[in-house]
Every structure is written in C-alpha cells, then in structure tokens.
Amino acid sequence: MKFSNIFWEKVKEKNVIGVRSVLLRQLNSDRTLSEPLVDAMCNAALKNEIDLFEVDDGELFNLQQTVLTKDVWQDFRVKLEYNFSKEKFMMMQQIMSALRKAQHPDFIAIQKYQNIVKNSASQTGKGSATSKGSSYKPSNDPLRGSKTTKGASNIVKIAIAVVVIVILVIVAGVINFI
C-alpha cells in the first residue's frame, strides 16, 4: 500500500510524534474515504518498530451509552492527541464506523456519496448536486469548520477583540500616566 512521503520520512527518522501527527491527520481524511488507510498505516509503523502507543489513561466511554455526533468525534480526537493509546486509537475507528453507519454527512465515503448523486441524477434526468456550480462539496479542510464549530469561531473572534481592547486601554493608561 502506498502512503505519503511524509509518513515514510517520519517512520525512517523514528519520529514517534511525527508519525502520530500523520496518523491523526489521516484519521480526519479517512472520514470520507471509502477504504480508510489509518489502520494499515499504523500497522506499517509498528512493523518498522515505531513505539506508537502510550498506556491508556482510562478516559474511554461506552459507545452503546453515548449519542455519537461529530462533536464526540472531535472531542475524542483531542483526547487521543493527549493520550495516544491503542484503546483510544481503536475507539476512534469505532466512532468513525458508527457515524458512517448512521449516515452522518461528514462521514459518508466520497465514492458512495458520488454514486448516490449519480443514481438520483440519472433517475431525474437532471445534473447532480455536486456538478459544476454546486453549492455543496464535501471538504476535508479543517479550517472551514462545520455548523457546530462556526459558532465557536465567532466566540473566539469576540474573545480576541475583547483582549485587544483591554490591551489598548492598558496601553492608553500607561501613556497617560507617563
């Protein structure tokens, strides 16, 4: 299987943190791939004697008792970043699988999505929703955010503006004092 050059560079360097970083990025990409690669990449790293996993800190949860959403995915991904354990890594894959089965729009495999669009377009005789001029295109860009993160983005902007204003007031006070 062919993986990115960056992955192989980090493996060759025995850079555990670099390999983990590539795997975390691949987890995000795998959400929309019809055949996820992250497990095969992990196995390749382990075969190359990369000591990937830490001892789990016990912050797991019961998948059957948790309502799985994209927010749960993102929160658990952060937990994996801080404690890269085999248990958390496997649970991330289980969460992805469950969200795919639930047909969450951010976890539908691109090939399956395109097939659905092609089938509906051929039945109606019209162009697909993802053809030229489309308003909806699946994206792997983590900076675009989702409906749930756009509100958080506005809160961050407001917080930054407040901090800037406070700094300006302090600077103005210091200048007046001098």
C-alpha atoms as a PDB file:
ATOM      1  CA  MET A   1       0.000   0.000   0.000  1.00  0.00           C
ATOM      2  CA  LYS A   2       1.290   3.465  -0.826  1.00  0.00           C
ATOM      3  CA  PHE A   3       1.348   6.078   1.934  1.00  0.00           C
ATOM      4  CA  SER A   4       2.514   9.671   1.919  1.00  0.00           C
ATOM      5  CA  ASN A   5       6.199  10.534   1.727  1.00  0.00           C
ATOM      6  CA  ILE A   6       5.876  12.478   4.967  1.00  0.00           C
ATOM      7  CA  PHE A   7       4.678   9.328   6.730  1.00  0.00           C
ATOM      8  CA  TRP A   8       7.655   7.323   5.479  1.00  0.00           C
ATOM      9  CA  GLU A   9      10.070  10.150   6.383  1.00  0.00           C
ATOM     10  CA  LYS A  10       8.784  10.173   9.959  1.00  0.00           C
ATOM     11  CA  VAL A  11       8.970   6.374  10.140  1.00  0.00           C
ATOM     12  CA  LYS A  12      12.524   6.389   8.768  1.00  0.00           C
ATOM     13  CA  GLU A  13      13.534   9.055  11.314  1.00  0.00           C
ATOM     14  CA  LYS A  14      11.856   7.003  14.092  1.00  0.00           C
ATOM     15  CA  ASN A  15       9.972  10.220  14.912  1.00  0.00           C
ATOM     16  CA  VAL A  16       7.125   8.913  17.086  1.00  0.00           C
ATOM     17  CA  ILE A  17       5.428  12.299  17.480  1.00  0.00           C
ATOM     18  CA  GLY A  18       5.671  12.913  13.716  1.00  0.00           C
ATOM     19  CA  VAL A  19       4.134   9.513  12.912  1.00  0.00           C
ATOM     20  CA  ARG A  20       1.331  10.134  15.425  1.00  0.00           C
ATOM     21  CA  SER A  21       0.686  13.515  13.832  1.00  0.00           C
ATOM     22  CA  VAL A  22       0.405  11.960  10.369  1.00  0.00           C
ATOM     23  CA  LEU A  23      -1.936   9.276  11.740  1.00  0.00           C
ATOM     24  CA  LEU A  24      -4.168  11.889  13.396  1.00  0.00           C
ATOM     25  CA  ARG A  25      -4.347  13.816  10.124  1.00  0.00           C
ATOM     26  CA  GLN A  26      -5.142  10.563   8.292  1.00  0.00           C
ATOM     27  CA  LEU A  27      -7.990   9.856  10.730  1.00  0.00           C
ATOM     28  CA  ASN A  28      -9.630  13.085   9.577  1.00  0.00           C
ATOM     29  CA  SER A  29      -9.085  12.206   5.914  1.00  0.00           C
ATOM     30  CA  ASP A  30     -10.400   8.680   6.396  1.00  0.00           C
ATOM     31  CA  ARG A  31     -13.810  10.026   7.389  1.00  0.00           C
ATOM     32  CA  THR A  32     -14.645  10.391   3.696  1.00  0.00           C
ATOM     33  CA  LEU A  33     -12.507   7.665   2.132  1.00  0.00           C
ATOM     34  CA  SER A  34     -14.291   4.524   1.004  1.00  0.00           C
ATOM     35  CA  GLU A  35     -11.357   2.451   2.298  1.00  0.00           C
ATOM     36  CA  PRO A  36      -9.751   4.016   5.388  1.00  0.00           C
ATOM     37  CA  LEU A  37      -5.937   3.879   5.450  1.00  0.00           C
ATOM     38  CA  VAL A  38      -5.129   4.763   9.039  1.00  0.00           C
ATOM     39  CA  ASP A  39      -5.155   1.191  10.349  1.00  0.00           C
ATOM     40  CA  ALA A  40      -2.788  -0.006   7.606  1.00  0.00           C
ATOM     41  CA  MET A  41      -0.520   2.996   8.268  1.00  0.00           C
ATOM     42  CA  CYS A  42      -0.474   2.182  11.971  1.00  0.00           C
ATOM     43  CA  ASN A  43       0.464  -1.428  11.232  1.00  0.00           C
ATOM     44  CA  ALA A  44       3.247  -0.272   8.883  1.00  0.00           C
ATOM     45  CA  ALA A  45       4.654   1.990  11.608  1.00  0.00           C
ATOM     46  CA  LEU A  46       4.532  -0.824  14.160  1.00  0.00           C
ATOM     47  CA  LYS A  47       6.294  -3.191  11.731  1.00  0.00           C
ATOM     48  CA  ASN A  48       9.029  -0.568  11.442  1.00  0.00           C
ATOM     49  CA  GLU A  49       9.480  -0.664  15.223  1.00  0.00           C
ATOM     50  CA  ILE A  50       7.845   2.683  15.972  1.00  0.00           C
ATOM     51  CA  ASP A  51       6.601   2.620  19.573  1.00  0.00           C
ATOM     52  CA  LEU A  52       3.348   4.462  18.847  1.00  0.00           C
ATOM     53  CA  PHE A  53       1.154   3.769  21.801  1.00  0.00           C
ATOM     54  CA  GLU A  54       1.159   5.094  25.339  1.00  0.00           C
ATOM     55  CA  VAL A  55      -0.503   3.448  28.329  1.00  0.00           C
ATOM     56  CA  ASP A  56      -4.173   4.414  28.326  1.00  0.00           C
ATOM     57  CA  ASP A  57      -5.238   6.926  30.983  1.00  0.00           C
ATOM     58  CA  GLY A  58      -8.698   5.328  31.301  1.00  0.00           C
ATOM     59  CA  GLU A  59     -10.660   8.167  29.663  1.00  0.00           C
ATOM     60  CA  LEU A  60     -12.816   5.941  27.486  1.00  0.00           C
ATOM     61  CA  PHE A  61     -16.581   5.740  27.278  1.00  0.00           C
ATOM     62  CA  ASN A  62     -19.203   3.152  26.463  1.00  0.00           C
ATOM     63  CA  LEU A  63     -20.172   3.538  22.806  1.00  0.00           C
ATOM     64  CA  GLN A  64     -23.582   1.960  23.392  1.00  0.00           C
ATOM     65  CA  GLN A  65     -24.451   4.546  26.071  1.00  0.00           C
ATOM     66  CA  THR A  66     -23.194   7.599  24.175  1.00  0.00           C
ATOM     67  CA  VAL A  67     -25.023   9.510  21.458  1.00  0.00           C
ATOM     68  CA  LEU A  68     -22.382   9.723  18.745  1.00  0.00           C
ATOM     69  CA  THR A  69     -22.037  13.035  16.950  1.00  0.00           C
ATOM     70  CA  LYS A  70     -19.291  14.869  15.106  1.00  0.00           C
ATOM     71  CA  ASP A  71     -18.618  16.783  18.339  1.00  0.00           C
ATOM     72  CA  VAL A  72     -17.988  13.499  20.176  1.00  0.00           C
ATOM     73  CA  TRP A  73     -15.603  12.548  17.347  1.00  0.00           C
ATOM     74  CA  GLN A  74     -13.719  15.836  17.664  1.00  0.00           C
ATOM     75  CA  ASP A  75     -13.581  15.739  21.468  1.00  0.00           C
ATOM     76  CA  PHE A  76     -12.317  12.180  21.479  1.00  0.00           C
ATOM     77  CA  ARG A  77      -9.749  13.006  18.795  1.00  0.00           C
ATOM     78  CA  VAL A  78      -8.319  15.634  21.154  1.00  0.00           C
ATOM     79  CA  LYS A  79      -8.177  13.010  23.916  1.00  0.00           C
ATOM     80  CA  LEU A  80      -6.257  10.771  21.518  1.00  0.00           C
ATOM     81  CA  GLU A  81      -3.779  13.588  20.828  1.00  0.00           C
ATOM     82  CA  TYR A  82      -3.032  13.921  24.544  1.00  0.00           C
ATOM     83  CA  ASN A  83      -3.015  10.181  25.260  1.00  0.00           C
ATOM     84  CA  PHE A  84      -2.163   8.236  22.105  1.00  0.00           C
ATOM     85  CA  SER A  85      -3.154   4.810  23.410  1.00  0.00           C
ATOM     86  CA  LYS A  86      -4.133   1.739  21.440  1.00  0.00           C
ATOM     87  CA  GLU A  87      -7.536   1.743  23.178  1.00  0.00           C
ATOM     88  CA  LYS A  88      -8.320   5.323  22.144  1.00  0.00           C
ATOM     89  CA  PHE A  89      -6.999   4.726  18.625  1.00  0.00           C
ATOM     90  CA  MET A  90      -9.297   1.722  18.200  1.00  0.00           C
ATOM     91  CA  MET A  91     -12.230   3.623  19.724  1.00  0.00           C
ATOM     92  CA  MET A  92     -11.738   6.462  17.191  1.00  0.00           C
ATOM     93  CA  GLN A  93     -12.107   3.929  14.408  1.00  0.00           C
ATOM     94  CA  GLN A  94     -15.236   2.518  16.062  1.00  0.00           C
ATOM     95  CA  ILE A  95     -16.729   6.016  16.362  1.00  0.00           C
ATOM     96  CA  MET A  96     -15.980   6.664  12.668  1.00  0.00           C
ATOM     97  CA  SER A  97     -17.595   3.367  11.707  1.00  0.00           C
ATOM     98  CA  ALA A  98     -20.699   4.090  13.800  1.00  0.00           C
ATOM     99  CA  LEU A  99     -21.075   7.594  12.334  1.00  0.00           C
ATOM    100  CA  ARG A 100     -20.764   6.135   8.822  1.00  0.00           C
ATOM    101  CA  LYS A 101     -23.451   3.561   9.561  1.00  0.00           C
ATOM    102  CA  ALA A 102     -25.653   6.379  10.879  1.00  0.00           C
ATOM    103  CA  GLN A 103     -25.104   8.193   7.522  1.00  0.00           C
ATOM    104  CA  HIS A 104     -23.660  11.314   9.184  1.00  0.00           C
ATOM    105  CA  PRO A 105     -22.895  13.694   6.259  1.00  0.00           C
ATOM    106  CA  ASP A 106     -19.284  14.309   7.365  1.00  0.00           C
ATOM    107  CA  PHE A 107     -18.543  10.584   7.430  1.00  0.00           C
ATOM    108  CA  ILE A 108     -20.093   9.338   4.189  1.00  0.00           C
ATOM    109  CA  ALA A 109     -17.465   7.852   1.911  1.00  0.00           C
ATOM    110  CA  ILE A 110     -16.907  10.030  -1.150  1.00  0.00           C
ATOM    111  CA  GLN A 111     -17.355   7.140  -3.588  1.00  0.00           C
ATOM    112  CA  LYS A 112     -20.664   6.160  -2.010  1.00  0.00           C
ATOM    113  CA  TYR A 113     -21.804   9.804  -1.990  1.00  0.00           C
ATOM    114  CA  GLN A 114     -20.966  10.248  -5.680  1.00  0.00           C
ATOM    115  CA  ASN A 115     -22.781   7.026  -6.551  1.00  0.00           C
ATOM    116  CA  ILE A 116     -25.900   8.201  -4.732  1.00  0.00           C
ATOM    117  CA  VAL A 117     -25.798  11.545  -6.561  1.00  0.00           C
ATOM    118  CA  LYS A 118     -25.220   9.867  -9.944  1.00  0.00           C
ATOM    119  CA  ASN A 119     -28.124   7.482  -9.363  1.00  0.00           C
ATOM    120  CA  SER A 120     -30.530  10.260  -8.385  1.00  0.00           C
ATOM    121  CA  ALA A 121     -29.374  12.403 -11.330  1.00  0.00           C
ATOM    122  CA  SER A 122     -29.948   9.593 -13.815  1.00  0.00           C
ATOM    123  CA  GLN A 123     -33.410   8.957 -12.375  1.00  0.00           C
ATOM    124  CA  THR A 124     -34.489  12.602 -12.612  1.00  0.00           C
ATOM    125  CA  GLY A 125     -32.650  13.394 -15.821  1.00  0.00           C
ATOM    126  CA  LYS A 126     -31.084  16.455 -14.226  1.00  0.00           C
ATOM    127  CA  GLY A 127     -27.489  17.259 -13.246  1.00  0.00           C
ATOM    128  CA  SER A 128     -26.197  16.221  -9.890  1.00  0.00           C
ATOM    129  CA  ALA A 129     -25.874  18.448  -6.845  1.00  0.00           C
ATOM    130  CA  THR A 130     -22.104  18.087  -6.959  1.00  0.00           C
ATOM    131  CA  SER A 131     -21.662  19.014 -10.600  1.00  0.00           C
ATOM    132  CA  LYS A 132     -20.441  22.396 -11.897  1.00  0.00           C
ATOM    133  CA  GLY A 133     -21.601  25.375  -9.867  1.00  0.00           C
ATOM    134  CA  SER A 134     -22.534  23.219  -6.926  1.00  0.00           C
ATOM    135  CA  SER A 135     -23.159  24.836  -3.592  1.00  0.00           C
ATOM    136  CA  TYR A 136     -22.296  21.685  -1.607  1.00  0.00           C
ATOM    137  CA  LYS A 137     -18.959  19.963  -1.935  1.00  0.00           C
ATOM    138  CA  PRO A 138     -17.574  17.681   0.763  1.00  0.00           C
ATOM    139  CA  SER A 139     -14.410  19.168   2.226  1.00  0.00           C
ATOM    140  CA  ASN A 140     -11.531  17.840   4.282  1.00  0.00           C
ATOM    141  CA  ASP A 141     -10.426  21.366   5.135  1.00  0.00           C
ATOM    142  CA  PRO A 142     -10.368  21.531   8.941  1.00  0.00           C
ATOM    143  CA  LEU A 143     -10.340  25.354   8.838  1.00  0.00           C
ATOM    144  CA  ARG A 144     -13.749  25.598   7.159  1.00  0.00           C
ATOM    145  CA  GLY A 145     -15.470  24.114  10.170  1.00  0.00           C
ATOM    146  CA  SER A 146     -18.946  22.728  10.455  1.00  0.00           C
ATOM    147  CA  LYS A 147     -22.225  24.226  11.647  1.00  0.00           C
ATOM    148  CA  THR A 148     -21.256  23.318  15.204  1.00  0.00           C
ATOM    149  CA  THR A 149     -17.809  24.938  15.014  1.00  0.00           C
ATOM    150  CA  LYS A 150     -18.814  28.168  13.245  1.00  0.00           C
ATOM    151  CA  GLY A 151     -20.476  29.426  16.435  1.00  0.00           C
ATOM    152  CA  ALA A 152     -17.318  28.637  18.354  1.00  0.00           C
ATOM    153  CA  SER A 153     -15.337  30.505  15.708  1.00  0.00           C
ATOM    154  CA  ASN A 154     -17.421  33.650  16.332  1.00  0.00           C
ATOM    155  CA  ILE A 155     -16.894  33.318  20.081  1.00  0.00           C
ATOM    156  CA  VAL A 156     -13.131  33.140  19.517  1.00  0.00           C
ATOM    157  CA  LYS A 157     -13.270  36.287  17.358  1.00  0.00           C
ATOM    158  CA  ILE A 158     -15.189  38.135  20.064  1.00  0.00           C
ATOM    159  CA  ALA A 159     -12.747  36.967  22.741  1.00  0.00           C
ATOM    160  CA  ILE A 160      -9.800  38.188  20.663  1.00  0.00           C
ATOM    161  CA  ALA A 161     -11.488  41.567  20.112  1.00  0.00           C
ATOM    162  CA  VAL A 162     -12.090  41.932  23.871  1.00  0.00           C
ATOM    163  CA  VAL A 163      -8.443  41.100  24.630  1.00  0.00           C
ATOM    164  CA  VAL A 164      -7.242  43.650  22.071  1.00  0.00           C
ATOM    165  CA  ILE A 165      -9.497  46.341  23.569  1.00  0.00           C
ATOM    166  CA  VAL A 166      -8.246  45.573  27.094  1.00  0.00           C
ATOM    167  CA  ILE A 167      -4.638  45.805  25.912  1.00  0.00           C
ATOM    168  CA  LEU A 168      -5.334  49.142  24.198  1.00  0.00           C
ATOM    169  CA  VAL A 169      -6.966  50.509  27.370  1.00  0.00           C
ATOM    170  CA  ILE A 170      -3.950  49.418  29.442  1.00  0.00           C
ATOM    171  CA  VAL A 171      -1.502  50.974  26.965  1.00  0.00           C
ATOM    172  CA  ALA A 172      -3.514  54.222  26.920  1.00  0.00           C
ATOM    173  CA  GLY A 173      -3.495  54.268  30.743  1.00  0.00           C
ATOM    174  CA  VAL A 174       0.278  53.759  30.825  1.00  0.00           C
ATOM    175  CA  ILE A 175       0.812  56.567  28.281  1.00  0.00           C
ATOM    176  CA  ASN A 176      -1.398  58.947  30.319  1.00  0.00           C
ATOM    177  CA  PHE A 177       0.489  58.003  33.492  1.00  0.00           C
ATOM    178  CA  ILE A 178       3.835  58.846  31.909  1.00  0.00           C
END
